[in-house]
Amino acid sequence: MAPYYGPDEDPNTIMLERMFLAGDFISGVGYGVQLMLYVLCSRYLWNTRRERRLSVYLLAYITLLLCIETIFEVAQSNTVQMIYIDNRNYPGGPWAYFLATQDLPINVLFIASLFSITFLADLLVLWRCWVIWRAFGKLGAYLAIAFPSLLLLASFIMGTFWTLQSSQPGLSLYSALPLAYGTSYLAISLGVNIILTILITARLLVYRRSVMETLPEDHAREYVSLVTIIIESASLYSVFALIFLVTYAANQPVNSVFLTVASFTQQIANYLIIYRLAQGRAWHKNTLAQTNTAMEFTANRHTHTTGNTGVATIDLESADVQESRQEKESKVYASLAATSSSGSSNTTYS
């Protein structure tokens, strides 16, 4: 039997340290994805900054988000270094050192940055809910976001208490009082996201039925496809946040992994929303009016070409169809020219 060279801590502590290290690795992967999405979004937003004022605001938003996320990654990496390298011989092991030093500035920065990026992400989803419901009326939009707004305010207060209590000397994220504040904060934050996800999804699904029956498939897919609904509602984050909340409240070691996954999936969901906004494909307050106009345009716009061989009808659908209106008209004109040159047909338009 091979000799044992592992630590002297109990199996539960060893598992906590493994999960903490795994979470740090996964966090780095998530940060790389966010950095790539930031570059893509910022390029689109920068190119449209003169035409749309919203692009400037969104560019400032994602830049602030990336800066805070960078601070979070630096703090987490530095914490891992302090635990496993700089203080590896601390009595009780690395995890005991981590729990005993939550009041260090780097650890306070870690918790504060995590709280900040979560709150900023919640604000974006609240705004998207407002925009989507605003397309159906201002009163309905106010009613839709009233309760989530109150919950978001409550989550900000509880998150502030969680950050302050977790960074007190002798306390940590897993001490009784910070754990209570943290569980309450995360439960409220998750509740906000679930409610907003349901509101956004329900509104888009209701509209999806009528749009899919009326608009061309390519145009309808831009605004009411299932992928669009998932992105607009940021539902991906809600799933992982729920798993993290359950494991954190139960004080299970794997919560460190799901904390990281929930955090970067929330940011990725935000970047995907902003990417669609930058491309002009996301929902805005005039989307409903535009799609209704497109429905009327598709139903009424026809060009008829009549010759000695019969009648050909060409539907010039909305501008969002794969083949543009100009291309279709050029084909019609080319066909007319060929017919005229042969002298065998007579063509009229309506």
Protein backbone atom coordinates (compact mmCIF):
# COMPACT_ATOMS: atom_id res chain seq x y z
CA MET A 1 0.00 0.00 0.00
CA ALA A 2 1.39 3.41 -1.02
CA PRO A 3 2.18 5.82 1.81
CA TYR A 4 -0.21 8.74 2.40
CA TYR A 5 1.23 12.18 1.67
CA GLY A 6 -2.01 14.15 1.84
CA PRO A 7 -3.06 16.77 4.39
CA ASP A 8 -4.11 15.94 7.91
CA GLU A 9 -7.50 17.67 7.66
CA ASP A 10 -10.80 15.80 7.77
CA PRO A 11 -12.40 14.64 4.48
CA ASN A 12 -15.02 17.40 4.51
CA THR A 13 -12.36 20.13 4.75
CA ILE A 14 -10.31 18.49 2.00
CA MET A 15 -13.40 18.42 -0.21
CA LEU A 16 -14.04 22.11 0.52
CA GLU A 17 -10.53 22.98 -0.59
CA ARG A 18 -10.87 20.90 -3.76
CA MET A 19 -14.13 22.60 -4.67
CA PHE A 20 -12.70 26.04 -3.91
CA LEU A 21 -9.76 25.39 -6.23
CA ALA A 22 -12.04 23.95 -8.92
CA GLY A 23 -14.24 27.03 -8.66
CA ASP A 24 -11.23 29.27 -9.21
CA PHE A 25 -10.30 27.35 -12.38
CA ILE A 26 -13.87 27.48 -13.74
CA SER A 27 -14.00 31.19 -12.92
CA GLY A 28 -10.97 31.77 -15.15
CA VAL A 29 -12.66 29.97 -18.04
CA GLY A 30 -15.81 32.05 -17.56
CA TYR A 31 -13.77 35.24 -17.48
CA GLY A 32 -12.21 34.34 -20.83
CA VAL A 33 -15.67 33.90 -22.37
CA GLN A 34 -16.80 37.23 -20.92
CA LEU A 35 -13.72 38.98 -22.28
CA MET A 36 -14.44 37.66 -25.77
CA LEU A 37 -18.08 38.75 -25.56
CA TYR A 38 -17.02 42.17 -24.29
CA VAL A 39 -14.83 42.70 -27.35
CA LEU A 40 -17.65 41.67 -29.70
CA CYS A 41 -20.23 43.87 -27.97
CA SER A 42 -17.97 46.89 -27.62
CA ARG A 43 -17.09 46.80 -31.31
CA TYR A 44 -20.74 46.95 -32.35
CA LEU A 45 -21.59 49.57 -29.73
CA TRP A 46 -18.63 51.77 -30.64
CA ASN A 47 -19.55 51.71 -34.34
CA THR A 48 -23.13 52.80 -33.58
CA ARG A 49 -22.37 55.35 -30.86
CA ARG A 50 -23.15 58.32 -33.14
CA GLU A 51 -26.47 56.98 -34.37
CA ARG A 52 -27.82 55.64 -31.07
CA ARG A 53 -27.30 57.22 -27.66
CA LEU A 54 -28.18 53.90 -26.05
CA SER A 55 -24.96 52.43 -27.45
CA VAL A 56 -22.89 54.84 -25.35
CA TYR A 57 -24.74 53.87 -22.17
CA LEU A 58 -24.44 50.17 -22.89
CA LEU A 59 -20.75 50.52 -23.68
CA ALA A 60 -20.20 52.25 -20.34
CA TYR A 61 -22.24 49.55 -18.61
CA ILE A 62 -20.30 46.58 -19.99
CA THR A 63 -17.00 48.37 -19.36
CA LEU A 64 -17.95 48.86 -15.71
CA LEU A 65 -19.10 45.23 -15.58
CA LEU A 66 -15.79 44.00 -17.00
CA CYS A 67 -13.77 46.17 -14.61
CA ILE A 68 -15.60 44.79 -11.57
CA GLU A 69 -15.34 41.24 -12.91
CA THR A 70 -11.59 41.75 -13.40
CA ILE A 71 -11.29 42.92 -9.79
CA PHE A 72 -13.21 39.83 -8.71
CA GLU A 73 -10.89 37.52 -10.68
CA VAL A 74 -7.76 39.20 -9.34
CA ALA A 75 -9.06 39.00 -5.77
CA GLN A 76 -10.00 35.35 -6.14
CA SER A 77 -6.65 34.41 -7.68
CA ASN A 78 -4.76 36.30 -4.99
CA THR A 79 -6.83 34.57 -2.30
CA VAL A 80 -5.92 31.17 -3.72
CA GLN A 81 -2.25 32.15 -3.72
CA MET A 82 -2.42 33.32 -0.11
CA ILE A 83 -4.22 30.15 1.01
CA TYR A 84 -2.21 27.48 -0.76
CA ILE A 85 1.22 29.06 -1.20
CA ASP A 86 1.93 32.00 1.09
CA ASN A 87 0.32 30.47 4.21
CA ARG A 88 0.29 26.76 3.50
CA ASN A 89 1.48 25.89 7.03
CA TYR A 90 -1.23 27.84 8.84
CA PRO A 91 -2.54 25.84 11.84
CA GLY A 92 -5.56 23.89 10.68
CA GLY A 93 -4.66 24.11 7.01
CA PRO A 94 -5.48 26.43 4.09
CA TRP A 95 -9.23 26.40 4.65
CA ALA A 96 -8.82 27.39 8.29
CA TYR A 97 -6.68 30.32 7.13
CA PHE A 98 -9.34 31.37 4.62
CA LEU A 99 -12.09 31.36 7.23
CA ALA A 100 -9.96 33.25 9.75
CA THR A 101 -8.88 36.07 7.43
CA GLN A 102 -12.11 37.30 5.83
CA ASP A 103 -11.43 40.80 7.15
CA LEU A 104 -8.33 41.18 4.96
CA PRO A 105 -8.81 43.85 2.26
CA ILE A 106 -8.40 41.33 -0.56
CA ASN A 107 -11.18 39.14 0.82
CA VAL A 108 -13.45 42.13 1.41
CA LEU A 109 -12.83 43.12 -2.20
CA PHE A 110 -13.70 39.59 -3.30
CA ILE A 111 -17.12 39.65 -1.61
CA ALA A 112 -17.90 43.28 -2.52
CA SER A 113 -17.11 42.76 -6.21
CA LEU A 114 -19.24 39.59 -6.29
CA PHE A 115 -22.16 41.49 -4.78
CA SER A 116 -21.69 44.44 -7.16
CA ILE A 117 -21.68 42.46 -10.39
CA THR A 118 -24.72 40.46 -9.27
CA PHE A 119 -26.66 43.65 -8.52
CA LEU A 120 -25.68 45.26 -11.83
CA ALA A 121 -26.77 42.15 -13.70
CA ASP A 122 -30.13 42.17 -11.90
CA LEU A 123 -30.62 45.80 -12.94
CA LEU A 124 -30.12 44.90 -16.59
CA VAL A 125 -32.72 42.12 -16.49
CA LEU A 126 -35.17 44.48 -14.76
CA TRP A 127 -34.61 47.03 -17.53
CA ARG A 128 -35.15 44.39 -20.22
CA CYS A 129 -38.42 43.40 -18.57
CA TRP A 130 -39.49 47.04 -18.67
CA VAL A 131 -38.58 47.37 -22.36
CA ILE A 132 -40.40 44.20 -23.43
CA TRP A 133 -43.55 45.06 -21.50
CA ARG A 134 -43.31 48.71 -22.59
CA ALA A 135 -43.91 47.53 -26.15
CA PHE A 136 -47.41 46.50 -25.03
CA GLY A 137 -48.19 49.66 -23.03
CA LYS A 138 -46.62 51.88 -20.40
CA LEU A 139 -49.12 51.05 -17.65
CA GLY A 140 -48.56 47.32 -18.05
CA ALA A 141 -44.80 47.88 -17.91
CA TYR A 142 -45.05 49.80 -14.62
CA LEU A 143 -47.23 47.09 -13.11
CA ALA A 144 -44.91 44.35 -14.33
CA ILE A 145 -41.75 45.76 -12.74
CA ALA A 146 -43.29 47.21 -9.55
CA PHE A 147 -42.88 44.14 -7.34
CA PRO A 148 -39.50 43.04 -8.82
CA SER A 149 -38.19 46.57 -8.19
CA LEU A 150 -39.10 46.34 -4.50
CA LEU A 151 -37.43 42.93 -4.30
CA LEU A 152 -34.33 44.29 -5.98
CA LEU A 153 -34.13 47.08 -3.42
CA ALA A 154 -34.47 44.51 -0.63
CA SER A 155 -31.74 42.38 -2.18
CA PHE A 156 -29.43 45.40 -2.28
CA ILE A 157 -29.96 46.02 1.44
CA MET A 158 -29.47 42.35 2.37
CA GLY A 159 -26.44 42.09 0.09
CA THR A 160 -24.86 45.08 1.80
CA PHE A 161 -25.39 43.45 5.21
CA TRP A 162 -23.97 40.18 3.84
CA THR A 163 -20.84 41.92 2.57
CA LEU A 164 -20.29 43.81 5.83
CA GLN A 165 -20.87 40.81 8.11
CA SER A 166 -18.76 38.43 6.02
CA SER A 167 -15.75 40.73 6.30
CA GLN A 168 -15.84 41.11 10.07
CA PRO A 169 -12.86 39.77 12.09
CA GLY A 170 -13.53 36.22 13.21
CA LEU A 171 -16.41 35.76 10.74
CA SER A 172 -16.57 34.37 7.22
CA LEU A 173 -19.01 33.55 4.44
CA TYR A 174 -19.86 30.36 6.31
CA SER A 175 -20.32 31.77 9.82
CA ALA A 176 -23.86 31.68 11.20
CA LEU A 177 -24.80 35.37 10.82
CA PRO A 178 -23.19 35.99 7.41
CA LEU A 179 -24.66 32.69 6.21
CA ALA A 180 -28.13 33.87 7.25
CA TYR A 181 -27.68 37.23 5.51
CA GLY A 182 -26.14 35.57 2.47
CA THR A 183 -28.92 33.03 2.14
CA SER A 184 -31.55 35.77 2.44
CA TYR A 185 -29.78 38.00 -0.08
CA LEU A 186 -29.27 35.22 -2.61
CA ALA A 187 -32.83 33.98 -2.18
CA ILE A 188 -34.22 37.47 -2.84
CA SER A 189 -31.87 38.01 -5.79
CA LEU A 190 -32.83 34.65 -7.23
CA GLY A 191 -36.51 35.46 -6.65
CA VAL A 192 -36.12 38.68 -8.61
CA ASN A 193 -34.54 36.81 -11.52
CA ILE A 194 -37.13 34.06 -11.51
CA ILE A 195 -40.02 36.55 -11.47
CA LEU A 196 -38.44 38.63 -14.24
CA THR A 197 -37.70 35.49 -16.25
CA ILE A 198 -41.34 34.41 -15.97
CA LEU A 199 -42.62 37.88 -16.89
CA ILE A 200 -40.36 38.18 -19.93
CA THR A 201 -40.93 34.61 -21.08
CA ALA A 202 -44.70 34.78 -20.63
CA ARG A 203 -45.01 38.03 -22.56
CA LEU A 204 -42.86 36.80 -25.45
CA LEU A 205 -44.59 33.42 -25.61
CA VAL A 206 -48.01 35.07 -25.79
CA TYR A 207 -46.85 37.22 -28.67
CA ARG A 208 -44.93 34.37 -30.30
CA ARG A 209 -48.10 32.47 -31.17
CA SER A 210 -49.61 35.23 -33.26
CA VAL A 211 -46.33 36.29 -34.84
CA MET A 212 -45.35 32.79 -35.93
CA GLU A 213 -48.71 32.40 -37.65
CA THR A 214 -48.50 35.70 -39.53
CA LEU A 215 -44.91 36.77 -40.20
CA PRO A 216 -42.42 35.00 -42.45
CA GLU A 217 -40.40 32.49 -40.46
CA ASP A 218 -37.07 34.30 -40.91
CA HIS A 219 -38.48 37.56 -39.62
CA ALA A 220 -40.39 36.02 -36.71
CA ARG A 221 -37.34 34.10 -35.56
CA GLU A 222 -35.51 37.36 -34.88
CA TYR A 223 -37.83 38.31 -32.03
CA VAL A 224 -39.81 35.30 -30.80
CA SER A 225 -37.70 32.17 -31.30
CA LEU A 226 -37.14 29.99 -28.25
CA VAL A 227 -33.44 30.90 -28.25
CA THR A 228 -34.39 34.57 -28.23
CA ILE A 229 -36.71 34.05 -25.29
CA ILE A 230 -34.02 32.21 -23.32
CA ILE A 231 -31.49 34.98 -23.97
CA GLU A 232 -33.85 37.88 -23.30
CA SER A 233 -35.07 36.37 -20.03
CA ALA A 234 -31.59 35.43 -18.74
CA SER A 235 -33.10 32.13 -17.61
CA LEU A 236 -29.74 30.35 -17.79
CA TYR A 237 -28.56 32.19 -14.69
CA SER A 238 -31.69 31.36 -12.69
CA VAL A 239 -31.02 27.64 -13.04
CA PHE A 240 -27.45 27.77 -11.70
CA ALA A 241 -28.31 30.36 -9.05
CA LEU A 242 -30.99 28.05 -7.67
CA ILE A 243 -28.52 25.16 -7.46
CA PHE A 244 -25.98 27.38 -5.72
CA LEU A 245 -28.52 28.69 -3.23
CA VAL A 246 -29.55 25.17 -2.22
CA THR A 247 -25.96 23.95 -1.81
CA TYR A 248 -24.90 27.14 0.02
CA ALA A 249 -27.80 27.00 2.48
CA ALA A 250 -27.02 23.31 3.10
CA ASN A 251 -23.31 24.19 3.55
CA GLN A 252 -22.25 21.65 0.94
CA PRO A 253 -18.65 21.93 -0.37
CA VAL A 254 -19.76 21.96 -4.00
CA ASN A 255 -21.37 25.40 -3.48
CA SER A 256 -18.01 27.01 -4.33
CA VAL A 257 -18.23 25.62 -7.84
CA PHE A 258 -21.84 26.63 -8.39
CA LEU A 259 -21.15 30.11 -6.99
CA THR A 260 -18.60 30.61 -9.73
CA VAL A 261 -20.77 29.06 -12.44
CA ALA A 262 -23.81 31.11 -11.41
CA SER A 263 -21.76 34.30 -11.38
CA PHE A 264 -20.25 33.99 -14.84
CA THR A 265 -23.42 32.61 -16.46
CA GLN A 266 -25.20 35.72 -15.21
CA GLN A 267 -22.61 37.93 -16.86
CA ILE A 268 -22.66 35.88 -20.05
CA ALA A 269 -26.45 36.20 -20.17
CA ASN A 270 -26.03 39.98 -19.90
CA TYR A 271 -23.49 40.10 -22.71
CA LEU A 272 -25.75 38.02 -24.97
CA ILE A 273 -28.62 40.46 -24.35
CA ILE A 274 -26.38 43.45 -25.09
CA TYR A 275 -24.94 41.73 -28.16
CA ARG A 276 -28.44 41.42 -29.58
CA LEU A 277 -29.10 45.05 -28.67
CA ALA A 278 -25.89 46.14 -30.41
CA GLN A 279 -26.91 44.26 -33.55
CA GLY A 280 -30.38 45.78 -33.45
CA ARG A 281 -32.01 42.35 -33.08
CA ALA A 282 -33.23 42.61 -29.48
CA TRP A 283 -36.66 43.75 -28.36
CA HIS A 284 -37.22 47.46 -27.90
CA LYS A 285 -40.27 49.58 -27.23
CA ASN A 286 -41.11 49.93 -30.95
CA THR A 287 -40.69 46.25 -31.85
CA LEU A 288 -44.40 45.49 -31.56
CA ALA A 289 -45.35 48.35 -33.89
CA GLN A 290 -42.68 47.32 -36.40
CA THR A 291 -43.73 43.69 -36.48
CA ASN A 292 -47.39 44.66 -36.86
CA THR A 293 -46.41 46.88 -39.80
CA ALA A 294 -44.45 44.00 -41.25
CA MET A 295 -47.53 41.78 -40.96
CA GLU A 296 -49.60 44.28 -42.97
CA PHE A 297 -46.79 44.76 -45.48
CA THR A 298 -46.43 41.04 -46.04
CA ALA A 299 -50.16 40.56 -46.49
CA ASN A 300 -50.73 43.44 -48.92
CA ARG A 301 -47.59 43.87 -51.03
CA HIS A 302 -47.68 41.86 -54.27
CA THR A 303 -46.29 42.31 -57.77
CA HIS A 304 -48.06 40.49 -60.61
CA THR A 305 -46.35 39.69 -63.90
CA THR A 306 -48.65 38.61 -66.74
CA GLY A 307 -47.46 37.09 -70.05
CA ASN A 308 -48.69 34.80 -72.81
CA THR A 309 -47.60 31.81 -70.75
CA GLY A 310 -49.77 32.62 -67.72
CA VAL A 311 -49.61 34.65 -64.50
CA ALA A 312 -46.68 34.71 -62.08
CA THR A 313 -47.11 36.28 -58.63
CA ILE A 314 -44.11 37.40 -56.60
CA ASP A 315 -44.51 38.26 -52.91
CA LEU A 316 -42.21 41.03 -51.83
CA GLU A 317 -42.16 40.31 -48.11
CA SER A 318 -40.65 42.35 -45.30
CA ALA A 319 -37.10 43.63 -45.42
CA ASP A 320 -36.00 40.99 -42.92
CA VAL A 321 -36.50 38.10 -45.37
CA GLN A 322 -33.29 36.47 -46.59
CA GLU A 323 -33.70 37.78 -50.17
CA SER A 324 -33.96 41.57 -50.27
CA ARG A 325 -36.63 43.51 -52.10
CA GLN A 326 -34.11 44.98 -54.52
CA GLU A 327 -32.87 41.57 -55.54
CA LYS A 328 -36.40 40.36 -56.23
CA GLU A 329 -37.23 43.45 -58.30
CA SER A 330 -34.05 43.04 -60.34
CA LYS A 331 -35.11 39.48 -61.14
CA VAL A 332 -38.51 40.73 -62.27
CA TYR A 333 -36.94 43.38 -64.49
CA ALA A 334 -34.52 40.87 -65.98
CA SER A 335 -37.43 38.57 -66.76
CA LEU A 336 -39.35 41.45 -68.38
CA ALA A 337 -36.37 42.43 -70.49
CA ALA A 338 -35.96 38.90 -71.73
CA THR A 339 -39.66 38.70 -72.57
CA SER A 340 -39.64 42.04 -74.43
CA SER A 341 -36.60 41.12 -76.49
CA SER A 342 -38.29 37.97 -77.72
CA GLY A 343 -41.37 39.98 -78.72
CA SER A 344 -43.61 37.16 -77.71
CA SER A 345 -45.33 38.56 -74.65
CA ASN A 346 -47.12 41.61 -73.25
CA THR A 347 -46.43 42.59 -69.60
CA THR A 348 -48.44 44.74 -67.21
CA TYR A 349 -47.94 45.71 -63.50
CA SER A 350 -50.36 46.17 -60.64
